[in-house]
C-alpha cells in the first residue's frame, strides 16, 4: 500500500552524451526505511541519488515522492535533503549558523531559525559545540553538523552520498550505528550511496545493488546476501563461492563449505592458501576443474584437524545451501 512518503523511480534514465549512466531504472523504496544504493564505481548509484536530489537532470522517466512527480522541481521544493560526501560546511560560520543556514535563505527570522537549529544539534548530540567553527571539530563532529543541517528542513527523504568514506575505520563503524539509530528515531526514509558491502549490510533494511547502469538485485539485506541471483551479486557481496556444476552455476556461502577426505567430497581439490582470521580460518582450495573455492571454518574446528597448502581434500556442503544463478549477467532485476 502506497503512502504519502513513498519514493518511486519509474524508468529513470541518465545520459551524458552517448554514455548511459542510468538505464531505465524502476524501483519503489519502502517508506520509513534505510536503503543502501550499493555497487562498484561507475555503476550509476551516485547519478541515481543526484537525480533524486535534483542535482542532476533526468534524461527520461519520472521520480515520484508521495505520488507527486518531482523530476523537474528544484532541490529545495522536492521534499528531499542531501548530505554530501565532503560535508561542505561554511568555514566562516559557527556550527549553529551552519545548521540554520537553509532557514536563513528562506527568510526565517533569526530567533526561530536558531531555536530550530539548536533542536537539531541536540538530536545529533552537539549542543555543547554550537558556537565552534568547523575547523575546531573532528571529522565525526563535522559529519553530524552536516547531518543536522540536512535534517533541519524536515525532509521526507534524506539522501546520503558516501557519508562515511572520509572517516577512519573505527569512527566509521561508530557513525554508522548513529545513522541507523537516528533514522529509526526520525521515522523517515534514508537513501545512502556506498560501495562498501559491510556498510550496506550493517545499515540497510533494503539493498539496491547496481551494476552497469541497472539494478542487478534489490531486496532485504539478508535476502540479497543469502540468495544472490547472479554471479555478479554473489561475487560483489562477498562471502560466497561461485561453483560451476554440470547443471549450472551456483553460489554457496564460504561458511557453508566444509573439508573432508579427498574421496568423500563433492569436489576434489588441493589447498592453495590458509588465512587465520581470528574466530575463523579461511581455507582456499583449487578443484580439479581449476575453480577456486573458499571454506570458512571455525578456528577451533580447523585446528582440531589442521591442513597445509598442497594437501588434497574433499569439499562438502549441504545441497540446500546452493543457490542457482541466472545465466543472464546483465538483467534489470528487482
Protein backbone atom coordinates (compact mmCIF):
# COMPACT_ATOMS: atom_id res chain seq x y z
CA UNK A 1 0.00 0.00 0.00
CA UNK A 2 1.41 3.36 -1.03
CA UNK A 3 1.84 6.24 1.43
CA UNK A 4 2.43 9.95 1.12
CA UNK A 5 6.14 9.40 1.73
CA UNK A 6 6.79 6.74 -0.93
CA UNK A 7 9.75 7.42 -3.19
CA UNK A 8 9.48 5.75 -6.59
CA UNK A 9 11.66 5.69 -9.70
CA UNK A 10 9.89 4.96 -12.98
CA UNK A 11 12.15 4.09 -15.94
CA UNK A 12 14.66 6.73 -14.83
CA UNK A 13 17.48 7.24 -17.32
CA UNK A 14 20.53 9.50 -17.23
CA UNK A 15 22.64 10.13 -20.31
CA UNK A 16 25.88 12.07 -20.57
CA UNK A 17 26.18 12.48 -24.31
CA UNK A 18 26.39 8.99 -25.76
CA UNK A 19 27.10 7.43 -22.34
CA UNK A 20 24.16 5.92 -20.45
CA UNK A 21 24.92 6.24 -16.73
CA UNK A 22 21.50 5.02 -15.52
CA UNK A 23 19.42 2.85 -17.82
CA UNK A 24 15.63 2.85 -17.33
CA UNK A 25 15.79 2.09 -13.61
CA UNK A 26 12.48 1.45 -11.82
CA UNK A 27 12.20 0.91 -8.09
CA UNK A 28 9.83 1.79 -5.24
CA UNK A 29 11.58 2.44 -1.93
CA UNK A 30 9.86 1.27 1.20
CA UNK A 31 8.67 4.22 3.33
CA UNK A 32 10.45 4.97 6.62
CA UNK A 33 13.24 2.56 5.69
CA UNK A 34 17.02 2.66 5.39
CA UNK A 35 18.03 1.80 1.82
CA UNK A 36 21.59 1.48 0.54
CA UNK A 37 22.35 2.01 -3.14
CA UNK A 38 25.33 -0.30 -3.48
CA UNK A 39 27.67 -1.08 -6.33
CA UNK A 40 31.12 -0.58 -7.86
CA UNK A 41 32.41 2.75 -9.13
CA UNK A 42 30.67 3.82 -12.31
CA UNK A 43 27.59 1.61 -11.84
CA UNK A 44 25.13 4.54 -11.72
CA UNK A 45 24.34 4.72 -7.99
CA UNK A 46 25.60 8.28 -7.40
CA UNK A 47 23.91 9.55 -10.57
CA UNK A 48 20.67 7.98 -9.35
CA UNK A 49 20.98 9.70 -5.97
CA UNK A 50 21.79 13.05 -7.54
CA UNK A 51 18.76 12.79 -9.83
CA UNK A 52 16.52 12.12 -6.80
CA UNK A 53 18.06 15.17 -5.11
CA UNK A 54 17.66 17.39 -8.18
CA UNK A 55 21.38 17.97 -8.62
CA UNK A 56 21.33 16.09 -11.93
CA UNK A 57 18.61 16.35 -14.57
CA UNK A 58 16.57 13.30 -15.57
CA UNK A 59 17.06 12.37 -19.25
CA UNK A 60 13.96 10.13 -19.32
CA UNK A 61 11.50 8.72 -16.82
CA UNK A 62 9.95 10.08 -13.61
CA UNK A 63 10.77 10.41 -9.92
CA UNK A 64 7.73 10.38 -7.64
CA UNK A 65 7.57 11.30 -3.95
CA UNK A 66 4.23 10.69 -2.29
CA UNK A 67 2.68 10.30 -5.74
CA UNK A 68 3.91 13.74 -6.84
CA UNK A 69 6.27 13.99 -9.83
CA UNK A 70 9.32 15.84 -8.52
CA UNK A 71 11.54 15.09 -11.54
CA UNK A 72 11.85 18.70 -12.68
CA UNK A 73 11.48 20.58 -9.40
CA UNK A 74 14.44 22.46 -7.89
CA UNK A 75 16.11 20.67 -4.95
CA UNK A 76 14.56 22.94 -2.28
CA UNK A 77 11.00 22.08 -3.41
CA UNK A 78 11.32 18.30 -3.62
CA UNK A 79 10.83 17.21 -0.01
CA UNK A 80 14.34 15.72 0.00
CA UNK A 81 17.60 16.83 1.58
CA UNK A 82 21.11 15.72 0.68
CA UNK A 83 24.16 15.19 2.84
CA UNK A 84 27.27 15.44 0.70
CA UNK A 85 30.41 13.32 0.95
CA UNK A 86 32.56 16.41 1.65
CA UNK A 87 30.10 17.79 4.29
CA UNK A 88 30.55 21.25 2.61
CA UNK A 89 30.34 23.25 5.85
CA UNK A 90 30.81 27.02 5.61
CA UNK A 91 34.18 27.72 7.29
CA UNK A 92 33.24 31.27 8.33
CA UNK A 93 30.01 30.25 10.12
CA UNK A 94 29.62 28.73 13.58
CA UNK A 95 28.13 25.27 14.00
CA UNK A 96 24.67 26.61 14.85
CA UNK A 97 24.71 29.07 11.95
CA UNK A 98 25.78 26.32 9.54
CA UNK A 99 22.81 24.25 10.66
CA UNK A 100 20.41 27.21 10.39
CA UNK A 101 21.70 28.40 7.00
CA UNK A 102 18.92 26.99 4.80
CA UNK A 103 16.27 28.60 7.04
CA UNK A 104 18.11 31.93 6.73
CA UNK A 105 17.97 31.60 2.95
CA UNK A 106 14.20 31.11 3.25
CA UNK A 107 13.96 34.38 5.15
CA UNK A 108 13.11 32.93 8.55
CA UNK A 109 13.79 35.23 11.50
CA UNK A 110 16.97 34.72 13.49
CA UNK A 111 15.23 33.66 16.71
CA UNK A 112 13.08 30.83 15.31
CA UNK A 113 15.80 29.52 13.00
CA UNK A 114 18.42 29.36 15.76
CA UNK A 115 15.90 27.64 18.04
CA UNK A 116 15.24 25.00 15.36
CA UNK A 117 18.98 24.64 14.77
CA UNK A 118 19.51 24.09 18.50
CA UNK A 119 16.90 21.29 18.39
CA UNK A 120 18.77 19.63 15.53
CA UNK A 121 22.09 19.91 17.38
CA UNK A 122 20.50 18.27 20.40
CA UNK A 123 19.29 15.46 18.14
CA UNK A 124 22.87 14.77 16.96
CA UNK A 125 24.37 15.37 20.42
CA UNK A 126 26.34 18.53 19.55
CA UNK A 127 24.64 21.14 21.73
CA UNK A 128 27.86 21.86 23.62
CA UNK A 129 29.71 22.68 20.37
CA UNK A 130 27.16 25.08 18.86
CA UNK A 131 29.48 28.12 18.94
CA UNK A 132 32.56 26.41 17.49
CA UNK A 133 33.83 26.88 13.96
CA UNK A 134 34.10 23.90 11.57
CA UNK A 135 37.91 23.79 11.75
CA UNK A 136 37.64 23.21 15.51
CA UNK A 137 35.70 19.97 15.00
CA UNK A 138 36.75 16.39 14.39
CA UNK A 139 35.69 14.57 11.23
CA UNK A 140 32.87 12.78 13.05
CA UNK A 141 31.62 16.05 14.57
CA UNK A 142 31.66 17.75 11.17
CA UNK A 143 29.62 14.90 9.78
CA UNK A 144 26.99 15.31 12.50
CA UNK A 145 26.79 19.07 11.79
CA UNK A 146 26.20 18.29 8.10
CA UNK A 147 23.54 15.78 9.12
CA UNK A 148 21.77 18.31 11.35
CA UNK A 149 21.90 20.90 8.55
CA UNK A 150 20.26 18.45 6.14
CA UNK A 151 17.57 17.45 8.63
CA UNK A 152 16.52 20.98 9.64
CA UNK A 153 14.34 21.27 6.52
CA UNK A 154 12.30 18.29 7.80
CA UNK A 155 12.69 16.26 4.59
CA UNK A 156 10.54 13.28 3.71
CA UNK A 157 13.67 11.54 2.40
CA UNK A 158 17.29 12.10 3.45
CA UNK A 159 19.87 11.34 0.75
CA UNK A 160 23.42 10.47 1.80
CA UNK A 161 26.30 10.37 -0.68
CA UNK A 162 29.01 8.08 0.77
CA UNK A 163 28.82 9.96 4.09
CA UNK A 164 31.27 7.69 5.93
CA UNK A 165 34.06 7.45 3.36
CA UNK A 166 36.17 10.27 4.85
CA UNK A 167 36.24 8.74 8.34
CA UNK A 168 38.77 6.35 9.83
CA UNK A 169 37.60 2.72 10.18
CA UNK A 170 36.86 2.88 13.92
CA UNK A 171 34.83 6.09 13.62
CA UNK A 172 33.07 4.80 10.52
CA UNK A 173 31.67 1.85 12.48
CA UNK A 174 30.53 4.13 15.32
CA UNK A 175 28.94 6.65 12.97
CA UNK A 176 27.01 4.05 11.01
CA UNK A 177 25.40 2.92 14.27
CA UNK A 178 24.45 6.54 14.97
CA UNK A 179 22.97 6.94 11.48
CA UNK A 180 20.86 3.82 11.88
CA UNK A 181 19.62 4.92 15.30
CA UNK A 182 18.77 8.39 14.01
CA UNK A 183 16.81 7.03 11.04
CA UNK A 184 14.73 4.85 13.35
CA UNK A 185 14.07 7.74 15.73
CA UNK A 186 13.02 10.12 12.94
CA UNK A 187 10.95 7.55 11.06
CA UNK A 188 11.85 8.95 7.63
CA UNK A 189 13.47 7.27 4.65
CA UNK A 190 17.24 7.36 4.31
CA UNK A 191 18.79 6.55 0.90
CA UNK A 192 22.53 6.03 1.31
CA UNK A 193 25.06 5.51 -1.51
CA UNK A 194 28.03 3.29 -0.69
CA UNK A 195 30.44 0.93 -2.41
CA UNK A 196 31.07 -0.95 0.87
CA UNK A 197 29.28 -4.25 1.28
CA UNK A 198 29.85 -4.37 5.05
CA UNK A 199 28.45 -0.85 5.42
CA UNK A 200 25.34 -1.73 3.42
CA UNK A 201 24.73 -4.95 5.37
CA UNK A 202 25.14 -3.16 8.71
CA UNK A 203 22.80 -0.27 7.84
CA UNK A 204 20.21 -1.28 5.31
CA UNK A 205 16.69 -2.60 5.60
CA UNK A 206 16.92 -2.91 1.83
CA UNK A 207 19.88 -3.12 -0.55
CA UNK A 208 19.59 -1.94 -4.15
CA UNK A 209 22.65 -3.37 -5.89
CA UNK A 210 23.52 -1.69 -9.18
CA UNK A 211 25.79 -2.85 -11.99
CA UNK A 212 26.34 -1.41 -15.47
CA UNK A 213 23.64 1.29 -15.04
CA UNK A 214 20.83 -1.09 -13.98
CA UNK A 215 19.59 -2.73 -10.79
CA UNK A 216 21.11 -6.19 -10.60
CA UNK A 217 19.17 -7.21 -7.47
CA UNK A 218 17.11 -5.45 -4.81
CA UNK A 219 15.56 -6.68 -1.60
CA UNK A 220 16.05 -7.04 2.15
CA UNK A 221 19.75 -7.02 3.03
CA UNK A 222 19.67 -10.60 4.33
CA UNK A 223 17.99 -11.88 1.17
CA UNK A 224 20.47 -10.19 -1.16
CA UNK A 225 23.37 -11.66 0.79
CA UNK A 226 21.96 -15.15 1.34
CA UNK A 227 20.26 -15.66 -2.02
CA UNK A 228 22.22 -13.84 -4.76
CA UNK A 229 20.53 -14.13 -8.14
CA UNK A 230 23.53 -13.60 -10.41
CA UNK A 231 27.23 -14.32 -10.39
CA UNK A 232 27.93 -10.59 -10.10
CA UNK A 233 25.80 -10.29 -6.94
CA UNK A 234 27.42 -13.33 -5.35
CA UNK A 235 30.95 -12.11 -6.04
CA UNK A 236 30.30 -8.44 -5.20
CA UNK A 237 28.56 -9.13 -1.88
CA UNK A 238 31.49 -11.34 -0.85
CA UNK A 239 31.46 -14.36 1.41
CA UNK A 240 30.32 -16.60 -1.44
CA UNK A 241 31.83 -19.08 -3.83
CA UNK A 242 30.59 -19.39 -7.38
CA UNK A 243 30.80 -23.02 -8.43
CA UNK A 244 30.20 -24.47 -11.91
CA UNK A 245 28.43 -27.81 -11.71
CA UNK A 246 27.03 -29.99 -14.54
CA UNK A 247 23.54 -28.50 -14.08
CA UNK A 248 24.59 -24.83 -13.94
CA UNK A 249 26.35 -22.16 -11.90
CA UNK A 250 25.66 -21.95 -8.18
CA UNK A 251 26.55 -19.69 -5.27
CA UNK A 252 27.33 -21.04 -1.84
CA UNK A 253 28.45 -19.17 1.25
CA UNK A 254 32.04 -19.85 2.29
CA UNK A 255 30.90 -20.75 5.81
CA UNK A 256 28.65 -23.47 4.33
CA UNK A 257 31.60 -25.32 2.77
CA UNK A 258 33.45 -27.96 4.77
CA UNK A 259 36.51 -30.15 4.28
CA UNK A 260 36.75 -33.92 4.29
CA UNK A 261 38.95 -36.64 2.83
CA UNK A 262 39.52 -36.36 -0.95
CA UNK A 263 37.47 -39.45 -1.83
CA UNK A 264 34.44 -38.38 0.25
CA UNK A 265 33.88 -34.85 -1.07
CA UNK A 266 31.51 -33.49 -3.70
CA UNK A 267 34.60 -31.96 -5.37
CA UNK A 268 38.26 -32.89 -5.08
CA UNK A 269 40.70 -30.04 -4.50
CA UNK A 270 44.18 -29.05 -3.33
CA UNK A 271 44.66 -26.39 -0.65
CA UNK A 272 46.36 -23.28 -2.04
CA UNK A 273 46.07 -20.87 0.90
CA UNK A 274 45.27 -20.65 4.60
CA UNK A 275 44.42 -17.36 6.30
CA UNK A 276 43.84 -17.04 10.03
CA UNK A 277 41.06 -14.51 10.72
CA UNK A 278 40.71 -14.73 14.49
CA UNK A 279 37.40 -16.50 15.05
CA UNK A 280 37.67 -18.28 11.68
CA UNK A 281 40.22 -19.70 9.27
CA UNK A 282 39.73 -19.16 5.54
CA UNK A 283 40.96 -22.15 3.56
CA UNK A 284 41.23 -21.68 -0.21
CA UNK A 285 41.44 -24.74 -2.43
CA UNK A 286 41.65 -25.28 -6.19
CA UNK A 287 39.49 -28.00 -7.66
CA UNK A 288 40.43 -30.47 -10.34
CA UNK A 289 38.50 -28.23 -12.75
CA UNK A 290 40.58 -25.15 -11.76
CA UNK A 291 37.90 -23.47 -9.67
CA UNK A 292 38.98 -21.63 -6.53
CA UNK A 293 36.72 -22.37 -3.56
CA UNK A 294 36.98 -20.92 -0.07
CA UNK A 295 35.83 -22.70 3.08
CA UNK A 296 35.42 -20.51 6.18
CA UNK A 297 35.94 -22.78 9.18
CA UNK A 298 35.64 -22.01 12.87
CA UNK A 299 39.17 -21.74 14.23
CA UNK A 300 38.54 -24.45 16.83
CA UNK A 301 37.29 -26.83 14.13
CA UNK A 302 40.23 -26.13 11.82
CA UNK A 303 42.90 -26.65 14.46
CA UNK A 304 41.38 -29.97 15.54
CA UNK A 305 42.43 -31.28 12.10
CA UNK A 306 44.79 -28.66 10.65
CA UNK A 307 45.75 -28.62 6.97
CA UNK A 308 48.63 -27.16 4.99
CA UNK A 309 48.97 -25.77 1.46
CA UNK A 310 49.30 -28.64 -1.01
CA UNK A 311 47.09 -31.04 0.98
CA UNK A 312 44.45 -32.90 -1.02
CA UNK A 313 40.94 -32.51 0.40
CA UNK A 314 37.31 -33.08 -0.49
CA UNK A 315 34.85 -30.18 -0.44
CA UNK A 316 31.45 -30.85 1.11
CA UNK A 317 28.22 -28.89 1.59
CA UNK A 318 24.51 -29.41 2.14
CA UNK A 319 22.65 -29.29 -1.15
CA UNK A 320 20.06 -26.89 0.32
CA UNK A 321 22.79 -24.23 0.70
CA UNK A 322 23.36 -24.00 -3.06
CA UNK A 323 21.63 -21.12 -4.87
CA UNK A 324 21.36 -21.45 -8.64
CA UNK A 325 22.42 -18.32 -10.51
CA UNK A 326 20.77 -16.75 -13.54
CA UNK A 327 22.62 -17.24 -16.80
CA UNK A 328 21.84 -13.66 -17.93
CA UNK A 329 24.54 -11.47 -16.38
CA UNK A 330 23.01 -8.12 -17.30
CA UNK A 331 19.42 -8.28 -16.08
CA UNK A 332 17.29 -5.50 -14.69
CA UNK A 333 16.30 -7.36 -11.57
CA UNK A 334 14.01 -6.45 -8.71
